[in-house]
N, C-alpha and C. Protein backbone atom coordinates (compact mmCIF):
# COMPACT_ATOMS: atom_id res chain seq x y z
N MET A 1 181.41 148.46 179.44
CA MET A 1 180.95 149.34 178.65
C MET A 1 179.91 149.44 177.99
N LYS A 2 178.46 149.74 177.87
CA LYS A 2 177.29 149.84 176.83
C LYS A 2 177.20 150.01 175.81
N ASN A 3 176.89 150.06 175.02
CA ASN A 3 176.53 150.45 174.06
C ASN A 3 175.15 150.70 174.16
N ILE A 4 175.06 152.78 173.25
CA ILE A 4 173.96 153.25 173.56
C ILE A 4 173.23 153.47 172.04
N GLY A 5 171.77 152.82 172.18
CA GLY A 5 171.22 153.74 170.91
C GLY A 5 169.61 153.72 171.17
N ILE A 6 169.89 155.25 170.26
CA ILE A 6 169.13 156.53 170.83
C ILE A 6 168.49 156.59 169.38
N VAL A 7 167.20 156.81 169.92
CA VAL A 7 165.94 156.85 169.15
C VAL A 7 165.38 157.88 169.13
N GLY A 8 165.46 158.60 168.10
CA GLY A 8 165.36 159.81 167.60
C GLY A 8 166.59 160.56 167.72
N SER A 9 166.68 161.41 166.54
CA SER A 9 167.65 162.76 166.38
C SER A 9 167.16 163.90 166.47
N GLY A 10 166.09 164.90 166.79
CA GLY A 10 165.83 165.46 167.46
C GLY A 10 167.17 166.63 168.65
N GLU A 11 166.71 167.68 169.06
CA GLU A 11 167.36 168.44 169.97
C GLU A 11 168.10 167.80 171.19
N VAL A 12 166.97 167.16 171.61
CA VAL A 12 166.63 165.74 172.97
C VAL A 12 168.09 164.87 172.28
N GLY A 13 167.91 164.02 171.27
CA GLY A 13 168.03 162.96 170.95
C GLY A 13 170.12 163.55 170.70
N GLN A 14 169.93 164.25 170.35
CA GLN A 14 171.25 164.65 169.75
C GLN A 14 172.26 165.25 171.13
N THR A 15 171.20 165.94 171.94
CA THR A 15 172.30 166.28 173.58
C THR A 15 172.06 165.46 174.23
N LEU A 16 172.10 164.18 174.04
CA LEU A 16 171.79 163.37 175.09
C LEU A 16 173.18 162.13 174.73
N ALA A 17 172.80 162.29 172.74
CA ALA A 17 174.08 161.27 172.33
C ALA A 17 175.41 162.09 172.77
N GLU A 18 175.36 163.31 172.59
CA GLU A 18 176.80 163.90 173.19
C GLU A 18 177.02 164.10 174.12
N GLY A 19 176.12 163.45 175.28
CA GLY A 19 176.76 163.10 176.69
C GLY A 19 177.26 162.29 176.84
N PHE A 20 176.34 160.93 176.34
CA PHE A 20 177.75 159.44 176.15
C PHE A 20 178.49 159.68 175.75
N LEU A 21 178.26 160.34 174.17
CA LEU A 21 180.04 160.23 174.11
C LEU A 21 181.07 160.89 174.89
N LYS A 22 180.41 162.09 175.39
CA LYS A 22 181.61 162.80 175.99
C LYS A 22 182.39 161.89 177.40
N TYR A 23 181.09 161.07 177.24
CA TYR A 23 182.12 159.52 178.26
C TYR A 23 182.75 158.40 177.74
N GLY A 24 183.03 158.18 176.89
CA GLY A 24 183.52 157.01 176.39
C GLY A 24 182.14 155.93 175.52
N TYR A 25 181.25 156.46 175.69
CA TYR A 25 179.99 155.14 174.79
C TYR A 25 180.50 155.09 173.61
N LYS A 26 179.59 154.22 173.10
CA LYS A 26 179.83 153.83 171.85
C LYS A 26 178.37 154.23 171.73
N VAL A 27 177.66 155.10 170.42
CA VAL A 27 176.32 155.46 170.26
C VAL A 27 175.74 155.16 168.97
N CYS A 28 175.07 154.93 168.88
CA CYS A 28 174.28 154.39 167.47
C CYS A 28 172.76 155.65 167.10
N LEU A 29 172.92 156.39 166.52
CA LEU A 29 171.71 157.82 166.54
C LEU A 29 170.41 157.18 165.39
N GLY A 30 169.68 157.13 165.72
CA GLY A 30 168.22 156.74 164.49
C GLY A 30 167.40 157.83 164.64
N THR A 31 167.49 158.47 162.95
CA THR A 31 166.62 158.78 162.57
C THR A 31 166.15 158.60 161.30
N GLY A 32 164.92 159.53 160.99
CA GLY A 32 164.40 159.01 159.92
C GLY A 32 164.87 159.95 159.13
N HIS A 33 165.92 161.09 158.99
CA HIS A 33 166.43 161.95 158.00
C HIS A 33 167.71 161.65 158.53
N PRO A 34 168.56 160.72 158.00
CA PRO A 34 170.39 160.64 158.14
C PRO A 34 170.70 161.35 157.38
N ASP A 35 170.44 161.76 156.02
CA ASP A 35 170.99 163.05 155.52
C ASP A 35 171.60 164.40 156.33
N LYS A 36 170.57 164.28 157.07
CA LYS A 36 170.44 165.50 157.93
C LYS A 36 171.01 165.97 158.45
N LEU A 37 171.96 164.96 158.82
CA LEU A 37 172.67 164.78 160.22
C LEU A 37 174.18 165.05 160.07
N ASN A 38 174.52 165.08 158.87
CA ASN A 38 176.14 164.92 158.27
C ASN A 38 177.05 165.40 158.81
N GLU A 39 176.16 166.97 159.04
CA GLU A 39 177.16 168.29 159.34
C GLU A 39 177.46 167.83 160.94
N TRP A 40 176.79 167.45 161.87
CA TRP A 40 176.58 167.24 163.57
C TRP A 40 177.33 165.95 163.38
N LYS A 41 177.26 164.95 162.46
CA LYS A 41 177.72 163.87 163.08
C LYS A 41 179.31 163.93 163.11
N SER A 42 179.70 164.77 161.57
CA SER A 42 181.37 164.80 161.11
C SER A 42 182.07 165.66 162.97
N GLN A 43 181.69 166.26 163.50
CA GLN A 43 181.75 166.92 164.82
C GLN A 43 181.86 165.96 165.58
N GLN A 44 181.35 164.51 166.21
CA GLN A 44 181.20 163.59 166.92
C GLN A 44 182.52 162.29 167.24
N GLY A 45 183.05 162.48 166.26
CA GLY A 45 183.54 161.27 166.60
C GLY A 45 184.03 160.21 165.65
N GLU A 46 184.27 159.18 165.84
CA GLU A 46 184.25 157.95 165.47
C GLU A 46 183.70 156.70 166.32
N ASN A 47 182.98 157.50 167.78
CA ASN A 47 181.83 156.46 168.85
C ASN A 47 180.53 156.83 168.41
N LEU A 48 180.98 157.07 167.45
CA LEU A 48 178.99 157.94 166.79
C LEU A 48 179.03 157.19 165.47
N SER A 49 177.78 156.75 164.95
CA SER A 49 176.82 155.94 163.95
C SER A 49 175.96 156.52 163.72
N VAL A 50 174.97 156.74 162.38
CA VAL A 50 173.89 157.33 162.33
C VAL A 50 173.21 156.22 161.16
N GLY A 51 171.66 155.71 162.10
CA GLY A 51 171.08 154.84 161.07
C GLY A 51 169.20 154.59 161.67
N SER A 52 169.06 153.84 161.31
CA SER A 52 167.48 154.10 160.99
C SER A 52 167.14 153.73 162.54
N PHE A 53 165.84 153.42 162.97
CA PHE A 53 165.05 154.00 164.05
C PHE A 53 165.65 152.08 164.54
N ALA A 54 165.43 151.59 163.96
CA ALA A 54 165.56 150.04 164.20
C ALA A 54 166.91 149.95 164.09
N ASP A 55 167.96 150.69 163.24
CA ASP A 55 169.80 149.98 163.57
C ASP A 55 169.98 150.41 165.36
N ALA A 56 168.99 151.68 165.97
CA ALA A 56 169.58 151.92 166.76
C ALA A 56 169.38 151.20 167.81
N ALA A 57 167.60 150.61 167.70
CA ALA A 57 167.24 149.69 168.84
C ALA A 57 168.06 147.98 168.75
N GLU A 58 168.39 147.60 167.65
CA GLU A 58 169.32 146.70 167.29
C GLU A 58 171.25 146.92 167.98
N PHE A 59 171.59 148.31 168.03
CA PHE A 59 172.62 148.46 168.75
C PHE A 59 173.07 148.80 169.73
N GLY A 60 172.16 149.22 171.00
CA GLY A 60 172.08 149.77 171.92
C GLY A 60 172.18 148.40 172.54
N ASP A 61 172.69 148.22 174.02
CA ASP A 61 172.51 147.70 174.71
C ASP A 61 171.28 148.17 175.88
N ILE A 62 171.43 149.84 175.86
CA ILE A 62 170.78 150.12 176.46
C ILE A 62 169.71 151.80 175.59
N LEU A 63 168.87 151.60 175.53
CA LEU A 63 168.22 152.43 174.29
C LEU A 63 167.48 153.94 174.92
N VAL A 64 167.59 154.68 174.73
CA VAL A 64 167.10 155.98 174.55
C VAL A 64 165.68 156.47 173.71
N LEU A 65 164.71 156.52 173.93
CA LEU A 65 163.28 157.09 173.13
C LEU A 65 163.20 158.36 173.18
N ALA A 66 163.75 159.13 171.89
CA ALA A 66 163.42 160.57 172.48
C ALA A 66 162.81 161.36 171.02
N VAL A 67 161.46 161.02 171.21
CA VAL A 67 160.91 161.13 169.79
C VAL A 67 159.57 162.01 170.13
N LYS A 68 159.03 162.96 169.12
CA LYS A 68 157.45 163.38 170.13
C LYS A 68 156.63 161.93 170.56
N GLY A 69 156.00 162.44 171.33
CA GLY A 69 155.41 161.61 172.36
C GLY A 69 153.91 160.94 171.35
N ASP A 70 153.36 161.54 170.10
CA ASP A 70 152.34 160.99 169.37
C ASP A 70 152.97 160.23 168.10
N ALA A 71 154.58 160.10 168.11
CA ALA A 71 155.18 159.14 167.09
C ALA A 71 155.89 157.73 167.63
N ALA A 72 156.12 158.02 168.94
CA ALA A 72 156.99 156.98 169.97
C ALA A 72 155.96 155.56 169.91
N MET A 73 154.93 155.34 169.50
CA MET A 73 154.68 153.76 169.87
C MET A 73 155.17 153.17 168.07
N GLN A 74 154.51 154.18 167.13
CA GLN A 74 154.89 153.79 165.64
C GLN A 74 156.34 153.68 165.65
N VAL A 75 157.20 154.73 166.20
CA VAL A 75 158.44 154.67 165.97
C VAL A 75 159.03 153.18 166.52
N LEU A 76 158.54 152.50 167.90
CA LEU A 76 159.38 151.50 168.51
C LEU A 76 158.88 150.31 167.80
N ASP A 77 157.29 150.45 167.52
CA ASP A 77 156.68 149.49 166.69
C ASP A 77 157.86 149.16 164.72
N THR A 78 159.09 149.99 164.27
CA THR A 78 159.32 149.68 163.41
C THR A 78 160.61 149.11 163.97
N ALA A 79 160.81 148.66 164.71
CA ALA A 79 161.83 148.20 165.86
C ALA A 79 161.56 146.42 165.22
N ASP A 80 162.51 145.49 165.07
CA ASP A 80 162.22 143.81 165.54
C ASP A 80 161.93 144.18 166.87
N SER A 81 161.25 142.84 167.58
CA SER A 81 160.86 142.92 169.06
C SER A 81 162.15 142.21 169.65
N ALA A 82 162.75 141.75 169.29
CA ALA A 82 163.68 140.89 169.50
C ALA A 82 165.09 141.90 169.93
N ASP A 83 164.78 143.05 169.62
CA ASP A 83 165.34 144.39 169.66
C ASP A 83 165.47 145.36 170.90
N ILE A 84 163.92 145.39 171.56
CA ILE A 84 163.66 145.81 172.44
C ILE A 84 163.52 144.67 173.60
N GLU A 85 163.45 143.65 173.66
CA GLU A 85 162.58 142.94 174.59
C GLU A 85 163.76 142.47 175.71
N GLY A 86 164.30 142.99 177.01
CA GLY A 86 164.96 142.79 177.78
C GLY A 86 165.53 143.98 178.34
N LYS A 87 165.70 144.91 176.74
CA LYS A 87 166.97 145.80 177.26
C LYS A 87 165.73 147.18 178.60
N THR A 88 166.61 147.97 178.82
CA THR A 88 166.91 148.93 179.69
C THR A 88 166.38 150.07 178.26
N ILE A 89 165.16 150.30 178.57
CA ILE A 89 164.66 151.77 177.83
C ILE A 89 164.23 153.24 178.42
N ILE A 90 165.08 154.10 178.18
CA ILE A 90 164.86 155.48 178.77
C ILE A 90 163.81 156.47 177.98
N ASP A 91 162.60 156.55 178.99
CA ASP A 91 161.82 157.64 177.85
C ASP A 91 161.90 158.33 178.25
N ALA A 92 162.24 159.16 177.59
CA ALA A 92 162.41 161.17 177.83
C ALA A 92 160.95 161.52 177.09
N THR A 93 160.18 160.94 176.45
CA THR A 93 159.16 161.57 175.74
C THR A 93 157.87 161.97 176.76
N ASN A 94 157.34 162.58 175.77
CA ASN A 94 156.04 163.43 176.57
C ASN A 94 154.63 163.72 175.61
N PRO A 95 153.24 163.25 176.72
CA PRO A 95 152.28 163.26 175.61
C PRO A 95 152.25 164.66 175.48
N ILE A 96 152.68 165.36 174.44
CA ILE A 96 152.24 166.35 174.19
C ILE A 96 151.25 166.70 173.02
N GLU A 97 150.19 167.39 173.01
CA GLU A 97 149.30 167.46 171.74
C GLU A 97 150.07 168.28 170.99
N PRO A 98 150.02 168.25 169.41
CA PRO A 98 150.58 169.61 168.46
C PRO A 98 149.68 170.89 168.55
N ALA A 99 149.59 171.44 169.86
CA ALA A 99 148.52 172.32 169.56
C ALA A 99 149.54 173.97 170.31
N PRO A 100 148.88 175.23 170.07
CA PRO A 100 150.07 176.35 170.88
C PRO A 100 149.22 175.99 172.47
N PRO A 101 150.34 176.34 172.88
CA PRO A 101 149.86 176.44 174.37
C PRO A 101 149.20 177.81 175.22
N GLU A 102 148.27 177.17 175.82
CA GLU A 102 147.43 178.29 176.47
C GLU A 102 147.39 179.02 178.25
N ASN A 103 148.69 180.15 177.66
CA ASN A 103 148.99 181.01 179.49
C ASN A 103 150.16 180.12 179.12
N GLY A 104 150.69 179.44 178.53
CA GLY A 104 151.90 178.94 178.51
C GLY A 104 151.86 177.34 178.99
N VAL A 105 150.69 176.78 178.91
CA VAL A 105 150.62 175.66 179.38
C VAL A 105 150.34 174.52 177.94
N LEU A 106 150.66 173.64 178.04
CA LEU A 106 150.75 172.61 176.99
C LEU A 106 149.50 172.08 177.14
N ARG A 107 148.75 171.09 175.81
CA ARG A 107 147.83 170.24 176.24
C ARG A 107 148.67 169.21 176.47
N PHE A 108 148.13 167.85 177.01
CA PHE A 108 148.18 166.60 176.72
C PHE A 108 147.07 165.41 176.09
N PHE A 109 147.99 164.49 175.29
CA PHE A 109 146.85 163.54 174.97
C PHE A 109 146.46 162.75 175.40
N THR A 110 146.90 162.16 176.92
CA THR A 110 146.97 161.37 177.84
C THR A 110 145.83 162.02 179.02
N SER A 111 145.03 161.43 179.77
CA SER A 111 144.89 162.02 180.86
C SER A 111 145.20 161.68 181.93
N ILE A 112 144.78 162.42 182.92
CA ILE A 112 145.13 162.39 184.75
C ILE A 112 146.00 160.77 185.21
N ASN A 113 145.08 159.71 184.46
CA ASN A 113 144.87 158.60 185.89
C ASN A 113 145.98 157.37 184.47
N GLN A 114 146.11 158.25 182.81
CA GLN A 114 147.14 157.71 182.13
C GLN A 114 148.65 157.78 181.60
N SER A 115 149.39 157.80 181.54
CA SER A 115 150.84 157.69 181.22
C SER A 115 151.00 157.53 179.64
N LEU A 116 151.78 158.46 178.89
CA LEU A 116 152.17 157.81 177.90
C LEU A 116 153.70 156.78 177.94
N MET A 117 153.59 156.23 178.94
CA MET A 117 154.96 155.30 179.44
C MET A 117 154.39 154.14 179.97
N GLU A 118 153.11 154.47 180.60
CA GLU A 118 152.51 153.23 180.87
C GLU A 118 152.13 152.48 179.22
N ALA A 119 151.43 152.92 178.36
CA ALA A 119 150.89 152.58 177.29
C ALA A 119 152.20 152.40 176.32
N LEU A 120 153.56 152.58 176.40
CA LEU A 120 154.49 151.95 175.92
C LEU A 120 154.94 150.56 176.45
N GLN A 121 154.69 150.67 177.75
CA GLN A 121 155.48 149.63 178.98
C GLN A 121 153.84 148.09 178.54
N LYS A 122 152.88 148.94 178.26
CA LYS A 122 151.70 147.41 177.81
C LYS A 122 152.16 146.97 176.28
N ALA A 123 152.30 147.93 175.79
CA ALA A 123 152.81 147.43 174.58
C ALA A 123 154.13 146.61 174.06
N HIS A 124 154.86 146.94 175.14
CA HIS A 124 156.23 146.05 174.94
C HIS A 124 156.08 145.36 176.34
N PRO A 125 155.43 144.81 176.74
CA PRO A 125 156.40 144.12 178.67
C PRO A 125 157.12 143.06 178.84
N ASN A 126 157.86 142.91 178.08
CA ASN A 126 159.26 142.78 178.52
C ASN A 126 160.28 143.73 178.38
N ALA A 127 159.93 144.75 177.50
CA ALA A 127 160.96 145.77 177.64
C ALA A 127 161.19 146.79 178.84
N ARG A 128 161.87 147.27 179.27
CA ARG A 128 162.14 147.73 180.90
C ARG A 128 162.67 149.33 180.70
N PHE A 129 161.22 149.98 180.39
CA PHE A 129 161.43 150.78 180.74
C PHE A 129 161.27 151.99 181.81
N VAL A 130 161.57 152.82 181.81
CA VAL A 130 162.66 153.71 182.74
C VAL A 130 162.19 155.53 182.25
N LYS A 131 161.33 155.77 183.17
CA LYS A 131 161.00 157.77 182.69
C LYS A 131 161.59 158.46 182.89
N ALA A 132 162.93 159.30 182.29
CA ALA A 132 163.59 160.10 182.77
C ALA A 132 163.85 160.84 181.47
N PHE A 133 164.16 162.83 182.04
CA PHE A 133 164.87 163.35 181.00
C PHE A 133 163.92 163.76 179.88
N ASN A 134 162.92 163.66 180.92
CA ASN A 134 161.44 164.20 180.29
C ASN A 134 161.27 165.79 180.23
N SER A 135 161.45 166.19 181.96
CA SER A 135 161.21 167.03 182.53
C SER A 135 162.50 168.38 182.81
N VAL A 136 162.73 168.78 181.91
CA VAL A 136 164.11 169.28 181.55
C VAL A 136 164.87 169.75 180.22
N GLY A 137 165.14 170.91 180.18
CA GLY A 137 165.38 171.36 179.12
C GLY A 137 166.29 170.70 178.26
N ALA A 138 166.71 170.99 177.11
CA ALA A 138 168.14 169.89 176.58
C ALA A 138 169.22 170.37 176.79
N SER A 139 169.73 171.69 177.19
CA SER A 139 170.64 172.35 177.66
C SER A 139 171.23 172.20 179.09
N LEU A 140 169.86 171.89 180.23
CA LEU A 140 170.39 171.43 180.82
C LEU A 140 170.75 169.96 181.35
N MET A 141 170.72 168.95 180.14
CA MET A 141 170.78 167.55 180.67
C MET A 141 172.09 167.10 180.21
N ILE A 142 173.09 167.82 180.16
CA ILE A 142 174.21 167.10 180.21
C ILE A 142 175.13 168.13 181.46
N ASN A 143 175.77 167.29 182.81
CA ASN A 143 175.82 168.13 183.68
C ASN A 143 176.22 169.73 184.13
N PRO A 144 174.04 170.13 184.00
CA PRO A 144 173.83 171.72 184.28
C PRO A 144 174.99 172.03 185.61
N ASP A 145 174.82 173.24 185.15
CA ASP A 145 176.18 173.73 186.61
C ASP A 145 175.26 174.77 187.08
N PHE A 146 174.37 174.37 188.35
CA PHE A 146 173.56 175.02 189.55
C PHE A 146 174.41 175.29 190.56
N GLY A 147 175.63 175.59 191.01
CA GLY A 147 176.71 175.90 191.60
C GLY A 147 176.67 174.25 192.65
N SER A 148 177.29 174.51 193.42
CA SER A 148 176.59 173.28 194.24
C SER A 148 175.58 172.43 194.49
N VAL A 149 174.51 172.82 194.25
CA VAL A 149 173.29 172.57 193.97
C VAL A 149 173.08 171.53 192.60
N LYS A 150 172.56 169.76 193.23
CA LYS A 150 172.59 169.33 191.51
C LYS A 150 171.67 169.06 191.63
N PRO A 151 170.86 169.45 190.17
CA PRO A 151 169.00 169.18 190.26
C PRO A 151 169.00 167.57 190.62
N SER A 152 167.22 167.42 190.41
CA SER A 152 166.67 166.39 190.51
C SER A 152 166.23 165.46 189.42
N MET A 153 166.74 164.51 189.34
CA MET A 153 165.89 163.64 187.90
C MET A 153 164.81 162.37 188.90
N PHE A 154 163.78 163.26 188.01
CA PHE A 154 162.63 162.25 188.70
C PHE A 154 162.64 161.21 187.71
N ILE A 155 162.70 159.43 188.38
CA ILE A 155 162.53 158.54 187.27
C ILE A 155 161.34 157.56 187.84
N CYS A 156 160.99 156.99 187.22
CA CYS A 156 160.02 155.72 187.50
C CYS A 156 160.77 154.55 186.84
N GLY A 157 159.20 153.28 186.97
CA GLY A 157 159.90 152.33 185.99
C GLY A 157 160.01 151.00 186.99
N ASN A 158 159.32 149.35 186.15
CA ASN A 158 159.28 148.91 187.04
C ASN A 158 160.01 147.61 187.26
N SER A 159 161.18 147.64 186.31
CA SER A 159 162.90 147.07 187.21
C SER A 159 163.20 147.90 187.47
N ALA A 160 164.11 147.48 188.84
CA ALA A 160 164.72 147.74 189.72
C ALA A 160 166.49 147.65 188.93
N ASP A 161 166.61 146.76 188.41
CA ASP A 161 167.87 146.41 187.49
C ASP A 161 167.51 147.95 186.57
N ALA A 162 167.20 148.24 185.92
CA ALA A 162 167.09 149.13 184.88
C ALA A 162 166.65 150.49 185.47
N LYS A 163 166.56 150.53 186.74
CA LYS A 163 166.09 151.85 186.99
C LYS A 163 167.81 152.13 188.16
N LYS A 164 168.64 151.35 188.30
CA LYS A 164 170.05 151.17 188.75
C LYS A 164 170.82 151.78 187.94
N GLU A 165 170.80 151.42 186.42
CA GLU A 165 171.10 151.51 185.02
C GLU A 165 171.27 153.44 184.94
N VAL A 166 170.04 153.63 185.06
CA VAL A 166 169.39 154.71 184.86
C VAL A 166 169.89 155.50 185.80
N THR A 167 170.08 155.52 186.72
CA THR A 167 170.26 155.92 188.21
C THR A 167 172.21 156.88 188.12
N ASP A 168 172.67 155.46 187.42
CA ASP A 168 174.32 155.56 187.46
C ASP A 168 174.34 157.04 185.96
N ILE A 169 173.50 156.81 185.08
CA ILE A 169 173.83 157.63 183.98
C ILE A 169 173.60 158.80 184.48
N ASN A 170 172.42 158.82 185.06
CA ASN A 170 172.25 161.06 185.86
C ASN A 170 172.80 160.90 186.87
N THR A 171 173.74 160.23 187.52
CA THR A 171 174.64 160.92 188.64
C THR A 171 176.24 160.70 187.66
N LEU A 172 176.26 160.42 186.74
CA LEU A 172 177.35 160.43 185.40
C LEU A 172 177.18 162.38 185.07
N PHE A 173 176.29 162.14 184.82
CA PHE A 173 175.89 163.53 183.74
C PHE A 173 175.07 164.99 184.43
N GLY A 174 175.08 164.13 186.63
CA GLY A 174 175.21 165.53 186.95
C GLY A 174 174.01 165.80 187.98
N TYR A 175 172.97 164.56 187.45
CA TYR A 175 172.06 164.39 188.77
C TYR A 175 171.65 164.11 189.56
N GLU A 176 170.99 164.19 191.03
CA GLU A 176 170.45 163.38 191.70
C GLU A 176 168.79 162.80 191.27
N THR A 177 169.20 161.49 191.94
CA THR A 177 167.98 160.66 190.89
C THR A 177 167.10 160.75 192.43
N GLU A 178 165.77 161.00 191.90
CA GLU A 178 164.67 160.91 193.20
C GLU A 178 163.47 159.20 192.34
N ASP A 179 163.96 158.47 192.46
CA ASP A 179 163.27 157.02 192.24
C ASP A 179 161.77 157.24 193.15
N MET A 180 160.57 157.21 192.01
CA MET A 180 159.18 157.60 192.26
C MET A 180 158.38 155.79 192.30
N GLY A 181 158.86 155.46 192.45
CA GLY A 181 158.29 153.78 192.00
C GLY A 181 158.04 152.82 190.70
N GLY A 182 156.78 152.29 190.65
CA GLY A 182 156.86 151.54 189.49
C GLY A 182 155.99 152.50 188.21
N VAL A 183 155.60 152.15 187.39
CA VAL A 183 155.42 152.70 185.74
C VAL A 183 154.65 153.60 185.79
N GLU A 184 153.10 153.03 186.92
CA GLU A 184 151.73 154.22 187.28
C GLU A 184 152.68 155.72 187.82
N ALA A 185 153.57 156.35 188.45
CA ALA A 185 153.84 157.06 188.54
C ALA A 185 154.97 158.13 187.56
N ALA A 186 154.73 157.44 186.39
CA ALA A 186 154.87 158.43 184.72
C ALA A 186 153.62 159.13 185.08
N ARG A 187 152.63 159.04 185.21
CA ARG A 187 151.32 159.97 185.56
C ARG A 187 151.85 161.21 186.46
N ALA A 188 152.67 161.24 186.68
CA ALA A 188 153.33 162.60 187.64
C ALA A 188 154.14 163.12 187.00
N ILE A 189 155.05 162.39 186.61
CA ILE A 189 156.50 162.84 186.00
C ILE A 189 156.53 163.39 184.81
N GLU A 190 155.64 162.72 183.94
CA GLU A 190 155.51 163.42 182.75
C GLU A 190 154.81 164.98 182.99
N PRO A 191 153.99 165.49 183.91
CA PRO A 191 152.77 166.53 183.34
C PRO A 191 154.53 167.45 184.02
N LEU A 192 155.22 167.30 184.88
CA LEU A 192 156.64 167.88 185.45
C LEU A 192 157.08 169.22 183.79
N CYS A 193 156.80 168.25 183.10
CA CYS A 193 157.38 168.59 181.58
C CYS A 193 156.41 170.65 181.48
N LEU A 194 154.90 170.02 181.69
CA LEU A 194 154.81 170.97 181.23
C LEU A 194 154.97 172.54 182.19
N LEU A 195 155.04 172.00 183.69
CA LEU A 195 155.62 173.32 184.47
C LEU A 195 156.79 173.89 184.29
N TRP A 196 157.60 172.30 183.81
CA TRP A 196 159.02 173.30 183.69
C TRP A 196 159.04 174.57 182.28
N CYS A 197 157.83 174.00 181.34
CA CYS A 197 158.13 174.77 179.92
C CYS A 197 157.32 176.53 180.23
N ILE A 198 156.60 176.28 181.47
CA ILE A 198 155.66 177.77 181.56
C ILE A 198 156.02 178.84 181.41
N PRO A 199 157.58 178.74 182.19
CA PRO A 199 158.72 179.97 181.79
C PRO A 199 159.12 180.36 180.62
N GLY A 200 159.41 179.50 180.02
CA GLY A 200 159.81 179.33 178.70
C GLY A 200 158.97 180.60 178.18
N PHE A 201 157.44 179.61 177.50
CA PHE A 201 156.64 180.13 176.80
C PHE A 201 155.98 181.50 177.10
N LEU A 202 155.94 181.82 178.77
CA LEU A 202 155.58 183.61 179.63
C LEU A 202 156.69 184.37 179.12
N ARG A 203 158.00 183.66 179.33
CA ARG A 203 158.62 184.76 179.62
C ARG A 203 160.22 184.86 178.78
N ASN A 204 160.20 183.60 177.77
CA ASN A 204 161.57 182.92 177.29
C ASN A 204 162.50 182.62 178.02
N GLU A 205 162.25 182.14 179.45
CA GLU A 205 163.45 181.38 180.25
C GLU A 205 163.38 179.89 179.95
N TRP A 206 164.29 179.68 178.83
CA TRP A 206 164.08 177.63 178.47
C TRP A 206 165.85 177.39 179.19
N GLU A 207 166.35 178.34 179.92
CA GLU A 207 167.86 177.49 180.20
C GLU A 207 168.05 177.72 181.91
N GLY A 208 167.47 178.39 182.51
CA GLY A 208 168.25 178.57 184.04
C GLY A 208 167.10 177.61 185.68
N HIS A 209 166.48 177.03 184.81
CA HIS A 209 165.78 175.88 186.02
C HIS A 209 165.66 174.48 185.63
N ALA A 210 165.28 173.88 187.32
CA ALA A 210 165.46 172.35 186.66
C ALA A 210 164.61 172.34 188.10
N PHE A 211 164.37 171.08 188.05
CA PHE A 211 163.68 170.68 189.72
C PHE A 211 164.44 169.74 190.86
N LYS A 212 164.15 170.50 191.97
CA LYS A 212 164.88 169.33 192.91
C LYS A 212 163.76 169.48 193.88
N LEU A 213 164.13 167.86 194.60
CA LEU A 213 163.41 167.64 195.73
C LEU A 213 163.94 168.08 196.82
N LEU A 214 163.14 169.12 197.68
CA LEU A 214 163.99 169.37 198.79
C LEU A 214 163.60 167.53 200.48
N ARG A 215 165.00 168.03 201.28
CA ARG A 215 164.40 167.42 202.53
C ARG A 215 164.74 167.83 203.40
N LYS A 216 164.26 167.89 204.90
CA LYS A 216 164.85 167.92 205.90
C LYS A 216 166.19 167.17 206.35
N TYR A 217 166.01 166.22 206.31
CA TYR A 217 167.31 164.91 206.63
C TYR A 217 168.39 164.74 205.62
C-alpha cells in the first residue's frame, strides 16, 4: 500500500487524510501551521504524521494537493523537485479569487481557455497531475450516502497510469470515475466547483448534492 502525502491541512486536506487512514494508508499531512493540528492529530492514530509541505511531498508515493488555488504554485515550489517528479499528484485545487460571490457565483483568476492544473503541469512537467475532488464538498468526499446511486468523480490528466491509481482511490471512496481525457479537460472540470457552490451560497445547502453523469446504455 502506497504512502500518501497531503499538501494542505484545511478541511479538504484533513477530510481526505481521514479517508486514507480509514482504509489503512499511512499519511503525512503537510501544513504551515503544525501546532494548530495537535488535537486533530491525536484523534487519528499512529498511521498519521504531520510535517511541513516539503515533508509531505517527500513522504508520499502519491501526493494530494489540497491548498487554496492561489497558493498552489508557491507551495509546490517549497518541495524538492525530486520529491515531485514521477509521482501521481491528485489536484483538488480550484483557481478561486479571494472575492465574495456574485449572486452565488465565485470568480476565477484563470480564463476559460487555461486551467490552474495546466499551469501546474507546465511548471512540473515530470509530475503526473490528475484533477479530482475539486467539485464536491469535503463532507461528501469519503463514501457519501446517496442510496443506491454512486456520484461521479470527474478526472483528467496526461498519465493513464496515474489516472488508474486515482480511479482505484475514487472507487474506494465511493465514487464512479468519469475520465475526461488530458490535462486540457481541467478547463471544464475546475468550473464545476462554481456550480456546486451556488446552492450553498444562495440557500445554505452545502451537504446534499454531488454530480452524476447519466448514460442511456
